[in-house]
């Protein structure tokens, strides 16, 4: 069943803007400790070894921030950056996979589907995250 065929309710929306240079410098310095706190092993393994590493890292980080904003939580609520993993689906679109405290909060808020969008220039990366639930459809079915 295609996403557009499912009656979904928006539960959360997040957006973030990130400076690419910060992440390019982390990668250039080889700051594996900082990168390991922000990115999963899977994300780091997917990183292309070219001049666009900073753009990719900034985009992924922005997407993580956007997901946390959509959840309404931050690190002070026990969510780690690595609780949100940004990868791609088979056609190359970004996707978010949650674990740990981020997954717990998503389940509490009944968020079942994430729509992620990332865009970047050489200077900035922007990302949005929309958390969706079918709970609205369930209410409509119960009322009908």
N, C-alpha and C. Protein backbone atom coordinates (compact mmCIF):
# COMPACT_ATOMS: atom_id res chain seq x y z
N UNK A 1 0.85 -1.18 0.00
CA UNK A 1 0.00 0.00 0.00
C UNK A 1 0.90 1.24 0.00
N UNK A 2 0.62 2.17 -0.88
CA UNK A 2 1.41 3.40 -0.99
C UNK A 2 1.06 4.36 0.13
N UNK A 3 2.03 5.18 0.52
CA UNK A 3 1.85 6.12 1.61
C UNK A 3 0.65 7.03 1.38
N UNK A 4 0.45 7.47 0.15
CA UNK A 4 -0.65 8.39 -0.13
C UNK A 4 -2.02 7.72 0.02
N UNK A 5 -2.06 6.40 0.07
CA UNK A 5 -3.31 5.67 0.24
C UNK A 5 -3.67 5.46 1.70
N UNK A 6 -2.79 5.84 2.60
CA UNK A 6 -3.00 5.64 4.02
C UNK A 6 -3.40 6.96 4.64
N UNK A 7 -4.45 6.94 5.46
CA UNK A 7 -4.88 8.14 6.16
C UNK A 7 -3.94 8.36 7.34
N UNK A 8 -3.10 9.40 7.25
CA UNK A 8 -2.09 9.66 8.27
C UNK A 8 -2.36 11.00 8.95
N UNK A 9 -1.93 11.11 10.18
CA UNK A 9 -2.03 12.35 10.95
C UNK A 9 -0.62 12.83 11.27
N UNK A 10 -0.38 14.13 11.08
CA UNK A 10 0.92 14.70 11.44
C UNK A 10 0.96 14.86 12.95
N UNK A 11 1.96 14.26 13.57
CA UNK A 11 2.13 14.33 15.02
C UNK A 11 3.21 15.34 15.39
N UNK A 12 4.26 15.41 14.58
CA UNK A 12 5.34 16.33 14.87
C UNK A 12 6.04 16.79 13.61
N UNK A 13 6.56 18.02 13.66
CA UNK A 13 7.29 18.61 12.56
C UNK A 13 8.54 19.27 13.12
N UNK A 14 9.68 19.00 12.51
CA UNK A 14 10.93 19.62 12.93
C UNK A 14 11.72 20.11 11.73
N UNK A 15 12.48 21.16 11.94
CA UNK A 15 13.35 21.71 10.89
C UNK A 15 14.65 22.14 11.55
N UNK A 16 15.75 22.05 10.81
CA UNK A 16 17.03 22.49 11.34
C UNK A 16 17.92 22.99 10.21
N UNK A 17 18.78 23.94 10.54
CA UNK A 17 19.74 24.51 9.61
C UNK A 17 21.12 24.39 10.25
N UNK A 18 22.07 23.85 9.52
CA UNK A 18 23.39 23.53 10.06
C UNK A 18 24.48 24.10 9.16
N UNK A 19 25.56 24.61 9.77
CA UNK A 19 26.71 25.08 9.00
C UNK A 19 27.58 23.90 8.60
N UNK A 20 27.83 23.76 7.33
CA UNK A 20 28.62 22.65 6.79
C UNK A 20 30.06 22.69 7.30
N UNK A 21 30.63 23.87 7.41
CA UNK A 21 32.04 24.02 7.79
C UNK A 21 32.37 23.33 9.11
N UNK A 22 31.47 23.38 10.07
CA UNK A 22 31.72 22.74 11.37
C UNK A 22 31.99 21.25 11.20
N UNK A 23 31.18 20.59 10.39
CA UNK A 23 31.33 19.15 10.20
C UNK A 23 32.50 18.81 9.29
N UNK A 24 32.78 19.68 8.33
CA UNK A 24 33.95 19.48 7.47
C UNK A 24 35.23 19.54 8.32
N UNK A 25 35.29 20.47 9.26
CA UNK A 25 36.46 20.59 10.14
C UNK A 25 36.60 19.37 11.05
N UNK A 26 35.49 18.87 11.59
CA UNK A 26 35.55 17.67 12.43
C UNK A 26 36.14 16.50 11.65
N UNK A 27 35.70 16.34 10.42
CA UNK A 27 36.19 15.24 9.58
C UNK A 27 37.65 15.44 9.21
N UNK A 28 38.02 16.67 8.85
CA UNK A 28 39.41 16.97 8.49
C UNK A 28 40.36 16.71 9.65
N UNK A 29 39.92 17.06 10.87
CA UNK A 29 40.76 16.85 12.06
C UNK A 29 40.80 15.38 12.48
N UNK A 30 39.90 14.59 11.92
CA UNK A 30 39.84 13.18 12.32
C UNK A 30 39.31 13.02 13.73
N UNK A 31 38.38 13.87 14.13
CA UNK A 31 37.81 13.85 15.48
C UNK A 31 36.81 12.70 15.59
N UNK A 32 37.33 11.49 15.69
CA UNK A 32 36.47 10.31 15.73
C UNK A 32 35.61 10.24 16.99
N UNK A 33 36.09 10.82 18.08
CA UNK A 33 35.29 10.81 19.32
C UNK A 33 34.02 11.63 19.13
N UNK A 34 34.16 12.84 18.60
CA UNK A 34 32.99 13.70 18.38
C UNK A 34 32.07 13.09 17.33
N UNK A 35 32.64 12.60 16.25
CA UNK A 35 31.83 11.98 15.20
C UNK A 35 31.10 10.75 15.72
N UNK A 36 31.74 9.98 16.57
CA UNK A 36 31.13 8.78 17.15
C UNK A 36 30.00 9.09 18.12
N UNK A 37 30.02 10.27 18.72
CA UNK A 37 28.91 10.68 19.61
C UNK A 37 27.69 11.12 18.80
N UNK A 38 27.92 11.58 17.58
CA UNK A 38 26.83 12.13 16.77
C UNK A 38 26.30 11.17 15.71
N UNK A 39 27.15 10.26 15.24
CA UNK A 39 26.78 9.41 14.11
C UNK A 39 27.02 7.94 14.44
N UNK A 40 26.14 7.08 13.90
CA UNK A 40 26.30 5.64 14.11
C UNK A 40 27.41 5.10 13.21
N UNK A 41 27.83 3.89 13.50
CA UNK A 41 28.84 3.24 12.65
C UNK A 41 28.32 3.08 11.22
N UNK A 42 27.04 2.79 11.09
CA UNK A 42 26.44 2.65 9.75
C UNK A 42 26.52 3.95 8.98
N UNK A 43 26.18 5.06 9.63
CA UNK A 43 26.24 6.36 8.96
C UNK A 43 27.67 6.68 8.53
N UNK A 44 28.61 6.48 9.43
CA UNK A 44 30.01 6.80 9.11
C UNK A 44 30.54 5.90 8.00
N UNK A 45 30.07 4.65 7.95
CA UNK A 45 30.50 3.74 6.89
C UNK A 45 29.92 4.16 5.53
N UNK A 46 28.78 4.84 5.53
CA UNK A 46 28.14 5.29 4.29
C UNK A 46 28.75 6.58 3.76
N UNK A 47 29.59 7.22 4.55
CA UNK A 47 30.13 8.53 4.20
C UNK A 47 31.05 8.44 2.99
N UNK A 48 30.78 9.23 1.96
CA UNK A 48 31.67 9.20 0.80
C UNK A 48 33.00 9.85 1.13
N UNK A 49 34.06 9.34 0.60
CA UNK A 49 35.37 9.95 0.86
C UNK A 49 35.68 10.93 -0.26
N UNK A 50 35.03 12.09 -0.16
CA UNK A 50 35.28 13.14 -1.15
C UNK A 50 35.07 14.50 -0.49
N UNK A 51 35.11 15.52 -1.26
CA UNK A 51 35.02 16.88 -0.74
C UNK A 51 33.65 17.21 -0.16
N UNK A 52 32.66 16.36 -0.38
CA UNK A 52 31.30 16.64 0.10
C UNK A 52 30.99 15.98 1.43
N UNK A 53 32.00 15.45 2.11
CA UNK A 53 31.77 14.80 3.41
C UNK A 53 31.10 15.74 4.40
N UNK A 54 31.57 16.97 4.46
CA UNK A 54 31.00 17.95 5.38
C UNK A 54 29.53 18.20 5.11
N UNK A 55 29.17 18.29 3.83
CA UNK A 55 27.77 18.50 3.46
C UNK A 55 26.91 17.33 3.91
N UNK A 56 27.41 16.12 3.66
CA UNK A 56 26.65 14.93 4.05
C UNK A 56 26.47 14.86 5.56
N UNK A 57 27.56 15.06 6.31
CA UNK A 57 27.47 15.02 7.77
C UNK A 57 26.53 16.10 8.31
N UNK A 58 26.64 17.30 7.78
CA UNK A 58 25.77 18.39 8.23
C UNK A 58 24.31 18.08 7.92
N UNK A 59 24.04 17.52 6.76
CA UNK A 59 22.67 17.15 6.41
C UNK A 59 22.11 16.09 7.33
N UNK A 60 22.91 15.07 7.59
CA UNK A 60 22.45 14.02 8.50
C UNK A 60 22.22 14.57 9.90
N UNK A 61 23.15 15.40 10.37
CA UNK A 61 22.98 15.97 11.71
C UNK A 61 21.73 16.84 11.76
N UNK A 62 21.51 17.64 10.72
CA UNK A 62 20.30 18.46 10.67
C UNK A 62 19.04 17.60 10.70
N UNK A 63 19.07 16.47 10.01
CA UNK A 63 17.92 15.57 10.02
C UNK A 63 17.69 14.99 11.42
N UNK A 64 18.77 14.65 12.11
CA UNK A 64 18.65 14.14 13.48
C UNK A 64 18.01 15.21 14.38
N UNK A 65 18.51 16.44 14.26
CA UNK A 65 17.94 17.56 15.04
C UNK A 65 16.46 17.75 14.71
N UNK A 66 16.12 17.68 13.43
CA UNK A 66 14.73 17.86 13.01
C UNK A 66 13.84 16.77 13.60
N UNK A 67 14.33 15.53 13.63
CA UNK A 67 13.57 14.43 14.22
C UNK A 67 13.34 14.69 15.71
N UNK A 68 14.40 15.11 16.42
CA UNK A 68 14.25 15.38 17.85
C UNK A 68 13.26 16.51 18.09
N UNK A 69 13.29 17.53 17.26
CA UNK A 69 12.33 18.63 17.38
C UNK A 69 10.92 18.13 17.12
N UNK A 70 10.75 17.27 16.13
CA UNK A 70 9.42 16.71 15.84
C UNK A 70 8.93 15.85 17.01
N UNK A 71 9.86 15.18 17.68
CA UNK A 71 9.50 14.39 18.86
C UNK A 71 9.22 15.26 20.08
N UNK A 72 9.74 16.48 20.06
CA UNK A 72 9.57 17.37 21.21
C UNK A 72 10.53 17.06 22.34
N UNK A 73 11.70 16.50 22.01
CA UNK A 73 12.69 16.14 23.02
C UNK A 73 14.07 16.61 22.60
N UNK A 74 14.98 16.50 23.53
CA UNK A 74 16.38 16.82 23.26
C UNK A 74 17.27 15.93 24.10
N UNK A 75 18.54 16.23 24.08
CA UNK A 75 19.48 15.41 24.83
C UNK A 75 19.24 15.47 26.33
N UNK A 76 18.64 16.54 26.82
CA UNK A 76 18.37 16.63 28.26
C UNK A 76 17.32 15.60 28.70
N UNK A 77 16.57 15.04 27.75
CA UNK A 77 15.59 14.00 28.08
C UNK A 77 16.16 12.60 27.83
N UNK A 78 17.46 12.49 27.73
CA UNK A 78 18.09 11.19 27.59
C UNK A 78 18.17 10.63 26.20
N UNK A 79 17.96 11.46 25.19
CA UNK A 79 18.06 11.01 23.80
C UNK A 79 19.48 11.27 23.30
N UNK A 80 20.10 10.25 22.75
CA UNK A 80 21.45 10.39 22.19
C UNK A 80 21.33 10.65 20.69
N UNK A 81 22.33 11.34 20.14
CA UNK A 81 22.34 11.59 18.68
C UNK A 81 22.27 10.28 17.91
N UNK A 82 22.90 9.25 18.45
CA UNK A 82 22.94 7.97 17.76
C UNK A 82 21.63 7.19 17.90
N UNK A 83 20.66 7.72 18.66
CA UNK A 83 19.33 7.12 18.73
C UNK A 83 18.54 7.38 17.45
N UNK A 84 19.03 8.29 16.62
CA UNK A 84 18.41 8.58 15.33
C UNK A 84 19.47 8.31 14.26
N UNK A 85 19.21 7.35 13.41
CA UNK A 85 20.15 7.01 12.35
C UNK A 85 19.55 7.41 11.01
N UNK A 86 20.32 8.16 10.23
CA UNK A 86 19.87 8.61 8.92
C UNK A 86 20.59 7.78 7.86
N UNK A 87 19.81 7.08 7.07
CA UNK A 87 20.34 6.29 5.96
C UNK A 87 19.50 6.64 4.73
N UNK A 88 19.56 5.81 3.73
CA UNK A 88 18.74 6.05 2.53
C UNK A 88 17.92 4.82 2.20
N UNK A 89 16.80 5.06 1.56
CA UNK A 89 15.99 3.93 1.10
C UNK A 89 16.54 3.47 -0.26
N UNK A 90 15.95 2.44 -0.86
CA UNK A 90 16.50 1.91 -2.12
C UNK A 90 16.60 2.92 -3.27
N UNK A 91 15.79 3.96 -3.25
CA UNK A 91 15.88 4.96 -4.34
C UNK A 91 16.72 6.17 -3.96
N UNK A 92 17.33 6.12 -2.78
CA UNK A 92 18.25 7.18 -2.37
C UNK A 92 17.67 8.27 -1.50
N UNK A 93 16.39 8.21 -1.19
CA UNK A 93 15.78 9.22 -0.32
C UNK A 93 16.19 8.97 1.13
N UNK A 94 16.38 10.04 1.91
CA UNK A 94 16.77 9.84 3.31
C UNK A 94 15.66 9.19 4.12
N UNK A 95 16.07 8.37 5.07
CA UNK A 95 15.11 7.76 5.99
C UNK A 95 15.71 7.77 7.39
N UNK A 96 14.83 7.82 8.38
CA UNK A 96 15.25 7.82 9.79
C UNK A 96 14.86 6.50 10.43
N UNK A 97 15.81 5.94 11.17
CA UNK A 97 15.55 4.75 11.97
C UNK A 97 15.85 5.12 13.40
N UNK A 98 14.88 4.91 14.29
CA UNK A 98 15.04 5.30 15.68
C UNK A 98 15.33 4.09 16.56
N UNK A 99 16.06 4.35 17.65
CA UNK A 99 16.35 3.33 18.65
C UNK A 99 16.41 4.02 20.01
N UNK A 100 16.60 3.24 21.05
CA UNK A 100 16.78 3.80 22.39
C UNK A 100 15.64 4.71 22.81
N UNK A 101 15.99 5.79 23.49
CA UNK A 101 14.99 6.73 24.03
C UNK A 101 14.19 7.40 22.92
N UNK A 102 14.79 7.69 21.77
CA UNK A 102 14.06 8.30 20.66
C UNK A 102 12.92 7.39 20.21
N UNK A 103 13.19 6.09 20.11
CA UNK A 103 12.15 5.13 19.72
C UNK A 103 11.05 5.06 20.77
N UNK A 104 11.43 5.08 22.05
CA UNK A 104 10.43 5.06 23.12
C UNK A 104 9.48 6.25 23.01
N UNK A 105 10.04 7.44 22.79
CA UNK A 105 9.22 8.65 22.67
C UNK A 105 8.32 8.56 21.44
N UNK A 106 8.86 8.08 20.33
CA UNK A 106 8.06 7.94 19.11
C UNK A 106 6.88 7.00 19.36
N UNK A 107 7.12 5.90 20.05
CA UNK A 107 6.04 4.96 20.36
C UNK A 107 5.01 5.62 21.28
N UNK A 108 5.47 6.37 22.29
CA UNK A 108 4.56 7.07 23.20
C UNK A 108 3.67 8.04 22.43
N UNK A 109 4.24 8.70 21.44
CA UNK A 109 3.50 9.68 20.64
C UNK A 109 2.80 9.03 19.44
N UNK A 110 2.94 7.72 19.30
CA UNK A 110 2.32 6.92 18.24
C UNK A 110 2.80 7.34 16.85
N UNK A 111 4.07 7.73 16.75
CA UNK A 111 4.65 8.07 15.45
C UNK A 111 5.15 6.78 14.82
N UNK A 112 4.62 6.47 13.63
CA UNK A 112 4.95 5.23 12.95
C UNK A 112 5.74 5.42 11.67
N UNK A 113 5.66 6.60 11.09
CA UNK A 113 6.29 6.87 9.80
C UNK A 113 7.02 8.21 9.89
N UNK A 114 8.22 8.25 9.30
CA UNK A 114 8.99 9.50 9.23
C UNK A 114 9.20 9.90 7.78
N UNK A 115 8.93 11.16 7.49
CA UNK A 115 9.28 11.74 6.19
C UNK A 115 10.45 12.68 6.44
N UNK A 116 11.55 12.47 5.75
CA UNK A 116 12.77 13.25 5.95
C UNK A 116 13.15 13.90 4.63
N UNK A 117 13.54 15.16 4.70
CA UNK A 117 14.06 15.85 3.53
C UNK A 117 15.33 16.60 3.94
N UNK A 118 16.36 16.48 3.12
CA UNK A 118 17.64 17.14 3.38
C UNK A 118 18.05 17.90 2.12
N UNK A 119 18.54 19.12 2.31
CA UNK A 119 19.06 19.91 1.20
C UNK A 119 20.30 20.63 1.68
N UNK A 120 21.26 20.84 0.78
CA UNK A 120 22.47 21.55 1.23
C UNK A 120 23.13 22.30 0.10
N UNK A 121 23.90 23.30 0.53
CA UNK A 121 24.80 24.03 -0.35
C UNK A 121 26.19 23.77 0.21
N UNK A 122 27.17 24.44 -0.33
CA UNK A 122 28.52 24.29 0.21
C UNK A 122 28.62 24.87 1.62
N UNK A 123 27.73 25.78 1.98
CA UNK A 123 27.81 26.46 3.29
C UNK A 123 26.82 25.94 4.33
N UNK A 124 25.62 25.56 3.91
CA UNK A 124 24.58 25.18 4.86
C UNK A 124 23.86 23.91 4.43
N UNK A 125 23.35 23.20 5.44
CA UNK A 125 22.47 22.05 5.21
C UNK A 125 21.18 22.31 5.98
N UNK A 126 20.07 22.03 5.34
CA UNK A 126 18.76 22.16 5.97
C UNK A 126 18.07 20.81 5.93
N UNK A 127 17.30 20.53 6.96
CA UNK A 127 16.57 19.27 7.01
C UNK A 127 15.22 19.47 7.68
N UNK A 128 14.26 18.70 7.21
CA UNK A 128 12.94 18.67 7.84
C UNK A 128 12.59 17.23 8.16
N UNK A 129 11.79 17.07 9.21
CA UNK A 129 11.30 15.75 9.60
C UNK A 129 9.83 15.90 9.97
N UNK A 130 9.02 15.01 9.43
CA UNK A 130 7.60 14.98 9.76
C UNK A 130 7.31 13.59 10.33
N UNK A 131 6.77 13.56 11.54
CA UNK A 131 6.38 12.32 12.18
C UNK A 131 4.90 12.09 11.97
N UNK A 132 4.54 10.93 11.40
CA UNK A 132 3.15 10.62 11.07
C UNK A 132 2.64 9.43 11.85
N UNK A 133 1.32 9.42 12.06
CA UNK A 133 0.65 8.31 12.74
C UNK A 133 -0.62 7.94 12.01
N UNK A 134 -1.02 6.70 12.12
CA UNK A 134 -2.31 6.27 11.58
C UNK A 134 -3.40 6.37 12.62
N UNK A 135 -3.10 6.91 13.78
CA UNK A 135 -4.10 6.96 14.86
C UNK A 135 -5.34 7.75 14.46
N UNK A 136 -5.20 8.77 13.60
CA UNK A 136 -6.35 9.52 13.11
C UNK A 136 -7.26 8.64 12.28
N UNK A 137 -6.67 7.77 11.47
CA UNK A 137 -7.45 6.86 10.64
C UNK A 137 -8.21 5.87 11.52
N UNK A 138 -7.59 5.42 12.59
CA UNK A 138 -8.24 4.47 13.49
C UNK A 138 -9.44 5.13 14.15
N UNK A 139 -9.30 6.41 14.55
CA UNK A 139 -10.41 7.13 15.18
C UNK A 139 -11.57 7.26 14.19
N UNK A 140 -11.25 7.56 12.91
CA UNK A 140 -12.29 7.72 11.90
C UNK A 140 -13.02 6.39 11.67
N UNK A 141 -12.29 5.28 11.66
CA UNK A 141 -12.90 3.98 11.45
C UNK A 141 -13.81 3.62 12.62
N UNK A 142 -13.37 3.95 13.85
CA UNK A 142 -14.17 3.65 15.04
C UNK A 142 -15.44 4.49 15.06
N UNK A 143 -15.35 5.75 14.59
CA UNK A 143 -16.51 6.63 14.60
C UNK A 143 -17.50 6.27 13.49
N UNK A 144 -16.98 5.69 12.39
CA UNK A 144 -17.81 5.40 11.21
C UNK A 144 -18.56 4.16 11.32
